[in-house]
Amino acid sequence: MPLLVNSSNRAKAAGAPRRICILGLWHQATVLSASFAQLGHHVRTVGDSHSAVAELNRGKSPVLEPGLNTLLRRGLKSGKLQFTTDYREAMHEAEFVYLSIDTPVNDRDEPQLESLFDAVRNAGKFWEPGMILCVTSQAPVGTSEKLSRMVSGQMSEAGCDVAYIPEFLRLGDAVGTFRRADRFVIGADRESVVDRIAELYLPLRRPILWIGLRSAEMAKHACNTFLATSISFINEIADLCDCVNADSLEVAQAMKLDRRIGPHAFLSPGLGFAGGTLGREIRALQELGRENRRETPLMDAVMSVNLDRARAVRQRLIDQCGPLNGLTIGILGITYKPGTSTLRRSVALELVTTLAAENAQLRVYDPLANWKEMDAGVTFTISLDPFSMASGCDALVLVTEWDGILDLNLGRLRAAMRHPVFIDARNLFDPRAMLRAGFHYSALGRGTYRPARAAGGNRD
C-alpha cells in the first residue's frame, strides 16, 4: 500500500449488479445515486425530507446539474433507482451503505457533523453483518472510524467495515466528473473491503488507488487545500499586476506552460473560492493543527487572502465611483458556480453583504438561481432581465457567468446605465469590446480601461 489498480485491465472482473443504499438527498447523494443506477446497480436512496423524496421520485434534482435529471428519470424508469424516507426499506439487503450527505458548514466554514451522525444512527438500526459503510461526505480525519464505532455499538454481532472514498465531483459537471474521474481513491485498512468496493467502479475504467483510511480522509483535505492555495496565490499576483500594469491572465498562461504546474492549474484571478467545499477543508486542517499543537501558517494565509476578495471589489468600486452610499449597483450572476442553480455559500452573496453594509442599493440578475434558497433578510432586488437591472445603475459587477452572457448587447446594457462602470470579477469580457461599448471596464489583475483616456485599448 498504496496500490494502484489498473481498472482498464480488470473491468471484466466486475461482478453482478450490487445493492447500494445511499444516505442523503442533495447534490452528492443524487449524483452518485443516478450514476450507480446507470452502471446497473440497484440503488435505494434515503433521507428525512418527504418533499425532497417526492421531487426526486419525479426525476427532479434538488440542484441544477447538467444531465442529472435525465439520468434520474432513466434510473427510476428502469426500476433500479428509488428514493424513500424509510430507512428499513432502503437498507433491506444492501451490501454497501454510502454516507453521501453534503456536509453543512457554519458561517466560518467549519464542518457541522450532526446530520452525518444522525443518518448513520438511523441506518445502524437496520445494519446487517457484511454491509460496508462507504463514507463520501466531507469530514475531518478520524470521522469514518467514529461512524464505524457508532454502527458497531448498535449491533450485537461483528463490527462494521468502513471505507472512506473522497468524492471530487465538480458542481456544474458532476455527472461528467464521476464518469471521467481522474481517479477513485478507496481508503480502507482491509484488502477484502477494497476489492468489494473496487468492483463498483471497475466498469468506468478509471485508475483506482487503495490507501489507508486516514490517508484517504487527509487526501481529501490536501487536494482541496492545494486548489484553494492556488486560487489565493493567483489573486495576490493579480493585485500586484494591477500595481505594475501587467495582465494576470497572461501571467497565468505563461505559468501553465510549465510542466510542473500544468494546463489545468487553478490560476484564474477573481473573487476567490466560495465558502463551503474548499473552505471546509482548510478549516478542518486548521482545527487538526490546533488539536495537535501544530501551527498552520500557510492555511491561515490562504483563508486570509480569500476573505479579502470581496473587500477588493468594494475598493475597486470606490475607486471608480466614490462613496457607495446611495449608489445603485447591479450584480450579474449570484449562484455558487456557473451552470448551477444553488446559492448555498455563494461568494456573490458575500459580496452583496459587503456592499449592502455601505448602504448601496443592489439589484441582481441570474437566469439560473434558485431563489427559494434565499434567506428571509434579502438585501437586494431581483431583476427579470439584465437590461432592466442595469437601468439607472451606477455600476455593474459580473460575479457568475451563464451560457449566453457573451452574447449580451453591450451597447444596450451601457445605454441603460446612469454611469458606465463595469467590474468584471471573472475576467470574462474582452476589454476592447467593453471600450467600444462605452464602459469604464475594470478586471481583476488586468487594470482599468477608460474610453476617454484609452483610445485603442490602453489602460490605467
Protein backbone atom coordinates (compact mmCIF):
# COMPACT_ATOMS: atom_id res chain seq x y z
CA MET A 1 0.00 0.00 0.00
CA PRO A 2 -0.60 2.40 -1.70
CA LEU A 3 -1.74 0.19 -4.52
CA LEU A 4 -2.82 1.46 -7.94
CA VAL A 5 -5.35 -0.89 -9.51
CA ASN A 6 -5.31 -0.97 -13.31
CA SER A 7 -9.06 -0.79 -13.81
CA SER A 8 -8.84 -0.99 -17.60
CA ASN A 9 -7.39 -4.48 -17.38
CA ARG A 10 -9.73 -5.60 -14.62
CA ALA A 11 -13.00 -4.14 -15.86
CA LYS A 12 -14.22 -7.57 -16.94
CA ALA A 13 -13.77 -8.74 -13.36
CA ALA A 14 -16.68 -6.60 -12.21
CA GLY A 15 -19.38 -8.85 -10.88
CA ALA A 16 -23.17 -8.81 -10.95
CA PRO A 17 -25.17 -5.68 -10.08
CA ARG A 18 -24.94 -4.84 -6.38
CA ARG A 19 -27.44 -3.41 -3.93
CA ILE A 20 -26.50 0.01 -2.66
CA CYS A 21 -28.15 2.20 -0.05
CA ILE A 22 -27.23 5.89 -0.21
CA LEU A 23 -27.81 8.24 2.73
CA GLY A 24 -28.54 11.80 1.64
CA LEU A 25 -30.87 13.72 -0.68
CA TRP A 26 -28.87 16.65 -2.01
CA HIS A 27 -26.19 17.10 -4.66
CA GLN A 28 -23.58 14.45 -3.90
CA ALA A 29 -26.07 11.73 -2.99
CA THR A 30 -28.25 12.44 -6.02
CA VAL A 31 -25.35 12.32 -8.48
CA LEU A 32 -23.99 9.08 -7.01
CA SER A 33 -27.46 7.50 -6.92
CA ALA A 34 -28.19 8.21 -10.57
CA SER A 35 -24.66 7.27 -11.66
CA PHE A 36 -24.59 3.92 -9.85
CA ALA A 37 -28.05 3.09 -11.21
CA GLN A 38 -26.79 3.84 -14.71
CA LEU A 39 -23.99 1.34 -14.11
CA GLY A 40 -26.67 -1.29 -13.46
CA HIS A 41 -26.64 -1.39 -9.66
CA HIS A 42 -29.82 -1.41 -7.57
CA VAL A 43 -29.90 1.84 -5.60
CA ARG A 44 -32.18 2.98 -2.80
CA THR A 45 -31.51 6.47 -1.53
CA VAL A 46 -32.91 7.64 1.80
CA GLY A 47 -33.34 10.86 3.73
CA ASP A 48 -35.75 12.59 6.07
CA SER A 49 -37.37 15.15 3.73
CA HIS A 50 -40.67 13.91 2.30
CA SER A 51 -40.83 16.83 -0.16
CA ALA A 52 -37.29 16.19 -1.45
CA VAL A 53 -38.04 12.48 -1.89
CA ALA A 54 -41.23 13.29 -3.78
CA GLU A 55 -39.37 15.60 -6.17
CA LEU A 56 -36.58 13.10 -6.72
CA ASN A 57 -39.03 10.31 -7.45
CA ARG A 58 -40.41 12.60 -10.16
CA GLY A 59 -36.93 12.82 -11.64
CA LYS A 60 -36.19 16.35 -10.47
CA SER A 61 -32.80 17.04 -8.88
CA PRO A 62 -32.61 19.45 -5.91
CA VAL A 63 -29.89 21.45 -7.71
CA LEU A 64 -29.41 22.22 -11.39
CA GLU A 65 -26.78 19.86 -12.75
CA PRO A 66 -26.39 19.22 -16.50
CA GLY A 67 -27.63 15.76 -17.48
CA LEU A 68 -28.67 14.76 -13.97
CA ASN A 69 -32.45 14.94 -14.37
CA THR A 70 -32.23 12.75 -17.49
CA LEU A 71 -30.13 10.23 -15.59
CA LEU A 72 -32.56 10.25 -12.67
CA ARG A 73 -35.55 9.59 -14.91
CA ARG A 74 -33.78 6.71 -16.63
CA GLY A 75 -32.90 5.11 -13.32
CA LEU A 76 -36.42 5.49 -11.97
CA LYS A 77 -37.97 4.12 -15.16
CA SER A 78 -35.65 1.10 -15.13
CA GLY A 79 -36.63 0.29 -11.55
CA LYS A 80 -33.00 0.35 -10.44
CA LEU A 81 -33.38 3.65 -8.57
CA GLN A 82 -35.73 4.60 -5.78
CA PHE A 83 -35.88 7.41 -3.20
CA THR A 84 -37.52 6.94 0.17
CA THR A 85 -37.76 8.22 3.75
CA ASP A 86 -37.97 4.65 5.09
CA TYR A 87 -34.57 3.53 6.39
CA ARG A 88 -35.71 -0.06 6.85
CA GLU A 89 -36.76 -0.27 3.21
CA ALA A 90 -33.60 1.44 1.96
CA MET A 91 -31.30 -0.80 4.00
CA HIS A 92 -33.01 -4.06 3.08
CA GLU A 93 -30.41 -6.44 1.56
CA ALA A 94 -27.96 -3.59 0.95
CA GLU A 95 -24.34 -4.64 0.51
CA PHE A 96 -22.90 -1.11 0.55
CA VAL A 97 -24.18 1.87 2.53
CA TYR A 98 -22.90 5.18 1.18
CA LEU A 99 -22.93 8.17 3.51
CA SER A 100 -23.13 10.93 0.88
CA ILE A 101 -24.56 13.92 2.71
CA ASP A 102 -23.08 17.25 1.64
CA THR A 103 -21.62 18.23 5.00
CA PRO A 104 -23.06 21.55 6.22
CA VAL A 105 -20.76 24.32 7.41
CA ASN A 106 -21.31 27.28 9.71
CA ASP A 107 -20.52 30.91 8.86
CA ARG A 108 -16.82 30.20 9.44
CA ASP A 109 -16.80 27.22 7.04
CA GLU A 110 -16.37 24.83 9.97
CA PRO A 111 -17.97 21.42 9.23
CA GLN A 112 -21.12 20.55 11.16
CA LEU A 113 -21.35 16.77 11.51
CA GLU A 114 -24.68 16.30 13.28
CA SER A 115 -26.57 15.34 10.11
CA LEU A 116 -23.93 12.71 9.28
CA PHE A 117 -24.15 11.12 12.71
CA ASP A 118 -27.96 11.22 12.64
CA ALA A 119 -28.13 9.47 9.26
CA VAL A 120 -25.71 6.72 10.30
CA ARG A 121 -27.51 6.30 13.60
CA ASN A 122 -30.81 5.78 11.71
CA ALA A 123 -29.18 3.36 9.27
CA GLY A 124 -27.47 1.48 12.10
CA LYS A 125 -30.82 0.34 13.44
CA PHE A 126 -31.14 -1.93 10.41
CA TRP A 127 -27.49 -2.87 9.90
CA GLU A 128 -26.70 -6.43 8.90
CA PRO A 129 -23.34 -8.26 9.03
CA GLY A 130 -21.42 -7.95 5.78
CA MET A 131 -22.59 -4.42 4.96
CA ILE A 132 -19.78 -1.95 4.23
CA LEU A 133 -20.05 1.69 5.26
CA CYS A 134 -18.65 3.86 2.43
CA VAL A 135 -18.16 7.44 3.58
CA THR A 136 -18.03 10.04 0.81
CA SER A 137 -19.23 13.00 2.87
CA GLN A 138 -16.62 15.66 3.53
CA ALA A 139 -15.49 15.11 7.12
CA PRO A 140 -12.43 15.66 9.32
CA VAL A 141 -9.79 12.96 9.70
CA GLY A 142 -10.96 10.28 12.14
CA THR A 143 -14.68 10.72 11.41
CA SER A 144 -15.01 7.44 9.48
CA GLU A 145 -13.76 5.47 12.47
CA LYS A 146 -16.22 7.26 14.75
CA LEU A 147 -19.06 6.39 12.40
CA SER A 148 -17.95 2.76 12.27
CA ARG A 149 -17.88 2.57 16.07
CA MET A 150 -21.34 4.12 16.19
CA VAL A 151 -22.75 1.36 13.96
CA SER A 152 -20.83 -1.36 15.81
CA GLY A 153 -22.31 -0.14 19.07
CA GLN A 154 -25.80 -0.74 17.70
CA MET A 155 -25.03 -4.30 16.51
CA SER A 156 -25.00 -7.45 18.57
CA GLU A 157 -22.65 -9.28 16.22
CA ALA A 158 -19.44 -8.35 14.33
CA GLY A 159 -18.29 -4.79 13.83
CA CYS A 160 -18.79 -2.51 10.87
CA ASP A 161 -16.31 -2.42 7.96
CA VAL A 162 -15.72 1.14 6.79
CA ALA A 163 -14.01 2.85 3.87
CA TYR A 164 -13.50 6.49 3.01
CA ILE A 165 -13.94 7.34 -0.67
CA PRO A 166 -13.25 11.04 -1.21
CA GLU A 167 -15.51 12.48 -3.86
CA PHE A 168 -14.19 15.05 -6.31
CA LEU A 169 -17.45 15.85 -8.09
CA ARG A 170 -17.42 19.34 -9.59
CA LEU A 171 -20.64 21.30 -9.31
CA GLY A 172 -21.81 22.07 -12.82
CA ASP A 173 -20.14 18.96 -14.30
CA ALA A 174 -20.72 16.38 -11.58
CA VAL A 175 -22.10 13.64 -13.82
CA GLY A 176 -19.14 14.02 -16.16
CA THR A 177 -16.55 14.17 -13.40
CA PHE A 178 -17.90 10.92 -11.95
CA ARG A 179 -17.74 9.07 -15.26
CA ARG A 180 -14.38 10.60 -16.27
CA ALA A 181 -12.80 10.79 -12.83
CA ASP A 182 -9.04 11.34 -12.68
CA ARG A 183 -9.01 8.52 -10.13
CA PHE A 184 -11.10 6.84 -7.47
CA VAL A 185 -9.44 6.67 -4.08
CA ILE A 186 -10.53 3.96 -1.65
CA GLY A 187 -9.30 4.42 1.88
CA ALA A 188 -9.55 1.22 3.92
CA ASP A 189 -7.37 -0.95 6.10
CA ARG A 190 -8.55 -4.32 4.77
CA GLU A 191 -7.88 -5.60 1.26
CA SER A 192 -11.12 -7.60 1.17
CA VAL A 193 -13.10 -4.38 1.72
CA VAL A 194 -11.21 -2.60 -1.07
CA ASP A 195 -11.76 -5.47 -3.50
CA ARG A 196 -15.51 -5.41 -2.96
CA ILE A 197 -15.80 -1.64 -3.37
CA ALA A 198 -13.49 -1.54 -6.40
CA GLU A 199 -15.90 -3.80 -8.30
CA LEU A 200 -18.46 -0.98 -8.26
CA TYR A 201 -16.10 1.35 -10.14
CA LEU A 202 -14.28 -1.05 -12.49
CA PRO A 203 -16.69 -0.59 -15.43
CA LEU A 204 -15.70 3.10 -15.58
CA ARG A 205 -12.12 2.07 -16.45
CA ARG A 206 -10.55 4.77 -14.31
CA PRO A 207 -7.49 4.43 -12.05
CA ILE A 208 -8.35 3.11 -8.58
CA LEU A 209 -5.99 3.83 -5.70
CA TRP A 210 -6.04 1.91 -2.42
CA ILE A 211 -4.61 3.80 0.55
CA GLY A 212 -5.18 3.79 4.28
CA LEU A 213 -8.42 5.02 5.83
CA ARG A 214 -6.97 8.11 7.46
CA SER A 215 -4.73 8.78 4.47
CA ALA A 216 -7.83 8.97 2.27
CA GLU A 217 -9.50 11.42 4.64
CA MET A 218 -6.33 13.51 4.65
CA ALA A 219 -6.07 13.28 0.85
CA LYS A 220 -9.45 14.98 0.52
CA HIS A 221 -8.31 17.82 2.79
CA ALA A 222 -4.98 18.10 0.98
CA CYS A 223 -6.37 18.16 -2.56
CA ASN A 224 -8.91 20.88 -1.89
CA THR A 225 -6.49 22.92 0.21
CA PHE A 226 -3.93 22.78 -2.60
CA LEU A 227 -6.56 24.10 -5.03
CA ALA A 228 -7.53 26.83 -2.58
CA THR A 229 -3.88 27.77 -2.19
CA SER A 230 -3.54 28.13 -5.96
CA ILE A 231 -6.56 30.44 -6.03
CA SER A 232 -5.27 32.69 -3.25
CA PHE A 233 -1.83 32.72 -4.86
CA ILE A 234 -3.05 33.94 -8.25
CA ASN A 235 -5.28 36.52 -6.60
CA GLU A 236 -2.30 38.02 -4.81
CA ILE A 237 -0.41 38.00 -8.12
CA ALA A 238 -3.40 39.73 -9.73
CA ASP A 239 -3.35 42.51 -7.14
CA LEU A 240 0.34 43.08 -7.82
CA CYS A 241 -0.30 43.02 -11.59
CA ASP A 242 -2.73 45.90 -11.12
CA CYS A 243 0.05 47.85 -9.40
CA VAL A 244 2.54 47.47 -12.28
CA ASN A 245 0.24 47.46 -15.33
CA ALA A 246 0.71 43.73 -16.01
CA ASP A 247 -2.02 41.31 -17.15
CA SER A 248 -2.57 38.45 -14.71
CA LEU A 249 -4.23 36.30 -17.39
CA GLU A 250 -1.07 36.46 -19.48
CA VAL A 251 0.98 35.64 -16.38
CA ALA A 252 -1.23 32.61 -15.67
CA GLN A 253 -0.94 31.48 -19.28
CA ALA A 254 2.84 31.54 -19.05
CA MET A 255 2.74 29.60 -15.78
CA LYS A 256 0.52 26.86 -17.17
CA LEU A 257 3.04 26.05 -19.88
CA ASP A 258 5.43 24.93 -17.15
CA ARG A 259 5.01 21.14 -16.93
CA ARG A 260 5.48 21.33 -13.16
CA ILE A 261 2.35 23.48 -12.97
CA GLY A 262 0.25 22.28 -15.91
CA PRO A 263 -2.62 23.49 -18.12
CA HIS A 264 -5.38 22.65 -15.64
CA ALA A 265 -3.94 24.54 -12.67
CA PHE A 266 -6.38 26.67 -10.67
CA LEU A 267 -4.94 30.01 -11.79
CA SER A 268 -7.93 32.18 -12.64
CA PRO A 269 -7.87 35.56 -10.86
CA GLY A 270 -11.19 36.60 -9.42
CA LEU A 271 -13.28 36.74 -6.29
CA GLY A 272 -11.66 33.69 -4.77
CA PHE A 273 -13.24 30.44 -3.67
CA ALA A 274 -16.70 30.40 -2.20
CA GLY A 275 -17.46 29.19 1.27
CA GLY A 276 -18.22 25.52 1.82
CA THR A 277 -16.22 22.98 -0.14
CA LEU A 278 -12.67 24.41 -0.17
CA GLY A 279 -13.05 26.47 2.97
CA ARG A 280 -14.35 23.46 4.89
CA GLU A 281 -11.17 21.50 4.16
CA ILE A 282 -8.91 24.33 5.28
CA ARG A 283 -10.86 24.77 8.50
CA ALA A 284 -10.58 21.04 9.15
CA LEU A 285 -6.78 21.20 8.78
CA GLN A 286 -6.56 24.30 10.96
CA GLU A 287 -8.53 22.52 13.67
CA LEU A 288 -6.33 19.45 13.30
CA GLY A 289 -3.32 21.70 13.82
CA ARG A 290 -4.81 23.23 16.95
CA GLU A 291 -5.65 19.82 18.38
CA ASN A 292 -2.07 18.66 17.85
CA ARG A 293 -0.36 21.96 18.71
CA ARG A 294 0.92 22.40 15.18
CA GLU A 295 0.81 25.81 13.53
CA THR A 296 -0.74 26.08 10.06
CA PRO A 297 0.55 29.44 8.76
CA LEU A 298 0.05 28.57 5.09
CA MET A 299 -3.59 27.54 5.56
CA ASP A 300 -4.15 30.63 7.71
CA ALA A 301 -2.78 32.86 4.95
CA VAL A 302 -4.83 31.17 2.23
CA MET A 303 -8.04 31.88 4.16
CA SER A 304 -6.96 35.44 4.97
CA VAL A 305 -6.29 36.27 1.31
CA ASN A 306 -9.61 34.75 0.27
CA LEU A 307 -11.64 36.64 2.86
CA ASP A 308 -10.28 39.91 1.48
CA ARG A 309 -11.54 39.34 -2.09
CA ALA A 310 -14.99 40.85 -1.57
CA ARG A 311 -13.35 43.88 0.01
CA ALA A 312 -11.07 44.14 -3.05
CA VAL A 313 -14.12 44.51 -5.30
CA ARG A 314 -15.60 47.01 -2.86
CA GLN A 315 -12.42 49.08 -3.07
CA ARG A 316 -12.45 48.86 -6.87
CA LEU A 317 -15.98 50.26 -6.86
CA ILE A 318 -15.00 53.06 -4.50
CA ASP A 319 -12.01 53.92 -6.71
CA GLN A 320 -14.32 54.15 -9.73
CA CYS A 321 -17.48 55.61 -8.18
CA GLY A 322 -16.54 57.25 -4.88
CA PRO A 323 -18.56 56.53 -1.71
CA LEU A 324 -21.06 53.73 -2.26
CA ASN A 325 -23.78 55.14 -0.01
CA GLY A 326 -26.93 55.52 -2.11
CA LEU A 327 -25.39 54.21 -5.35
CA THR A 328 -27.31 51.66 -7.39
CA ILE A 329 -25.17 48.63 -8.21
CA GLY A 330 -26.20 45.67 -10.37
CA ILE A 331 -24.82 42.18 -9.78
CA LEU A 332 -24.65 39.89 -12.79
CA GLY A 333 -24.81 36.29 -11.59
CA ILE A 334 -25.20 35.15 -7.98
CA THR A 335 -25.10 31.34 -8.00
CA TYR A 336 -22.34 29.30 -6.38
CA LYS A 337 -20.83 28.35 -9.74
CA PRO A 338 -21.65 28.82 -13.44
CA GLY A 339 -24.15 26.29 -14.74
CA THR A 340 -25.75 25.61 -11.35
CA SER A 341 -28.79 26.92 -9.51
CA THR A 342 -27.70 26.75 -5.89
CA LEU A 343 -26.96 29.85 -3.83
CA ARG A 344 -25.51 27.97 -0.88
CA ARG A 345 -22.33 29.69 0.32
CA SER A 346 -22.09 31.69 -2.91
CA VAL A 347 -19.24 34.21 -2.97
CA ALA A 348 -21.65 36.61 -4.69
CA LEU A 349 -23.80 36.66 -1.56
CA GLU A 350 -20.72 37.56 0.48
CA LEU A 351 -20.10 40.46 -1.91
CA VAL A 352 -23.73 41.56 -1.64
CA THR A 353 -23.46 41.60 2.15
CA THR A 354 -20.27 43.67 1.93
CA LEU A 355 -21.83 46.23 -0.41
CA ALA A 356 -25.12 46.37 1.49
CA ALA A 357 -23.14 47.39 4.58
CA GLU A 358 -22.11 50.50 2.59
CA ASN A 359 -25.80 51.33 2.03
CA ALA A 360 -25.60 50.65 -1.69
CA GLN A 361 -28.86 49.80 -3.46
CA LEU A 362 -28.38 46.38 -5.00
CA ARG A 363 -30.05 44.64 -7.91
CA VAL A 364 -29.34 41.09 -9.07
CA TYR A 365 -29.93 39.17 -12.26
CA ASP A 366 -29.26 35.45 -12.61
CA PRO A 367 -31.20 33.22 -15.02
CA LEU A 368 -30.45 30.00 -13.10
CA ALA A 369 -30.68 30.97 -9.42
CA ASN A 370 -32.98 29.03 -7.12
CA TRP A 371 -34.42 31.95 -5.20
CA LYS A 372 -36.13 29.59 -2.75
CA GLU A 373 -32.73 29.18 -1.11
CA MET A 374 -32.55 32.86 -0.18
CA ASP A 375 -32.74 33.86 3.47
CA ALA A 376 -35.67 35.99 4.57
CA GLY A 377 -33.47 39.05 5.13
CA VAL A 378 -32.78 39.56 1.40
CA THR A 379 -30.73 42.73 0.77
CA PHE A 380 -31.26 43.17 -2.98
CA THR A 381 -33.90 43.43 -5.68
CA ILE A 382 -34.29 40.52 -8.10
CA SER A 383 -34.47 41.59 -11.75
CA LEU A 384 -36.08 39.60 -14.55
CA ASP A 385 -33.55 40.53 -17.22
CA PRO A 386 -30.09 42.16 -17.32
CA PHE A 387 -31.26 45.32 -19.08
CA SER A 388 -33.99 46.24 -16.59
CA MET A 389 -31.46 45.51 -13.83
CA ALA A 390 -28.95 47.88 -15.46
CA SER A 391 -31.47 50.70 -15.85
CA GLY A 392 -30.19 53.66 -13.83
CA CYS A 393 -27.28 51.71 -12.33
CA ASP A 394 -24.08 53.48 -11.34
CA ALA A 395 -22.04 50.28 -11.73
CA LEU A 396 -22.32 46.65 -12.74
CA VAL A 397 -20.32 43.78 -11.23
CA LEU A 398 -20.05 40.44 -13.02
CA VAL A 399 -19.66 37.65 -10.46
CA THR A 400 -21.01 34.42 -12.03
CA GLU A 401 -21.43 33.90 -15.77
CA TRP A 402 -24.06 31.81 -17.53
CA ASP A 403 -24.45 30.34 -21.00
CA GLY A 404 -25.10 33.17 -23.44
CA ILE A 405 -23.71 36.02 -21.36
CA LEU A 406 -21.12 36.85 -24.01
CA ASP A 407 -23.99 37.42 -26.46
CA LEU A 408 -25.41 40.29 -24.40
CA ASN A 409 -25.95 43.52 -26.33
CA LEU A 410 -23.25 45.55 -24.60
CA GLY A 411 -24.33 48.84 -26.16
CA ARG A 412 -27.88 48.39 -24.89
CA LEU A 413 -26.57 47.42 -21.46
CA ARG A 414 -24.38 50.55 -21.30
CA ALA A 415 -27.18 52.80 -22.57
CA ALA A 416 -29.44 51.68 -19.72
CA MET A 417 -26.95 52.73 -17.04
CA ARG A 418 -26.55 56.10 -15.31
CA HIS A 419 -22.76 55.69 -15.13
CA PRO A 420 -20.61 53.30 -17.23
CA VAL A 421 -18.60 51.46 -14.55
CA PHE A 422 -18.27 47.71 -15.15
CA ILE A 423 -16.27 45.49 -12.74
CA ASP A 424 -15.54 42.08 -14.24
CA ALA A 425 -14.68 39.75 -11.34
CA ARG A 426 -14.42 36.81 -13.76
CA ASN A 427 -12.12 38.48 -16.32
CA LEU A 428 -14.62 37.25 -18.88
CA PHE A 429 -15.08 40.09 -21.37
CA ASP A 430 -12.72 41.44 -24.00
CA PRO A 431 -11.54 44.88 -22.80
CA ARG A 432 -11.60 46.22 -26.36
CA ALA A 433 -15.25 45.23 -26.83
CA MET A 434 -16.12 46.85 -23.50
CA LEU A 435 -14.32 50.05 -24.57
CA ARG A 436 -16.23 50.15 -27.84
CA ALA A 437 -19.48 49.81 -25.89
CA GLY A 438 -18.52 52.84 -23.79
CA PHE A 439 -17.77 51.17 -20.48
CA HIS A 440 -15.16 52.08 -17.89
CA TYR A 441 -14.08 48.47 -17.71
CA SER A 442 -12.15 47.10 -14.74
CA ALA A 443 -10.98 43.48 -14.47
CA LEU A 444 -9.17 41.90 -11.53
CA GLY A 445 -5.46 41.78 -12.23
CA ARG A 446 -5.82 43.49 -15.63
CA GLY A 447 -6.21 47.15 -14.75
CA THR A 448 -8.97 49.61 -15.70
CA TYR A 449 -9.84 50.62 -19.26
CA ARG A 450 -11.45 54.04 -19.88
CA PRO A 451 -12.74 55.14 -23.29
CA ALA A 452 -11.94 58.81 -22.72
CA ARG A 453 -8.27 58.13 -21.99
CA ALA A 454 -7.62 54.81 -23.67
CA ALA A 455 -8.42 55.01 -27.37
CA GLY A 456 -7.03 51.90 -28.95
CA GLY A 457 -7.27 49.85 -25.77
CA ASN A 458 -4.80 51.48 -23.37
CA ARG A 459 -5.43 51.13 -19.67
CA ASP A 460 -4.73 52.92 -16.41
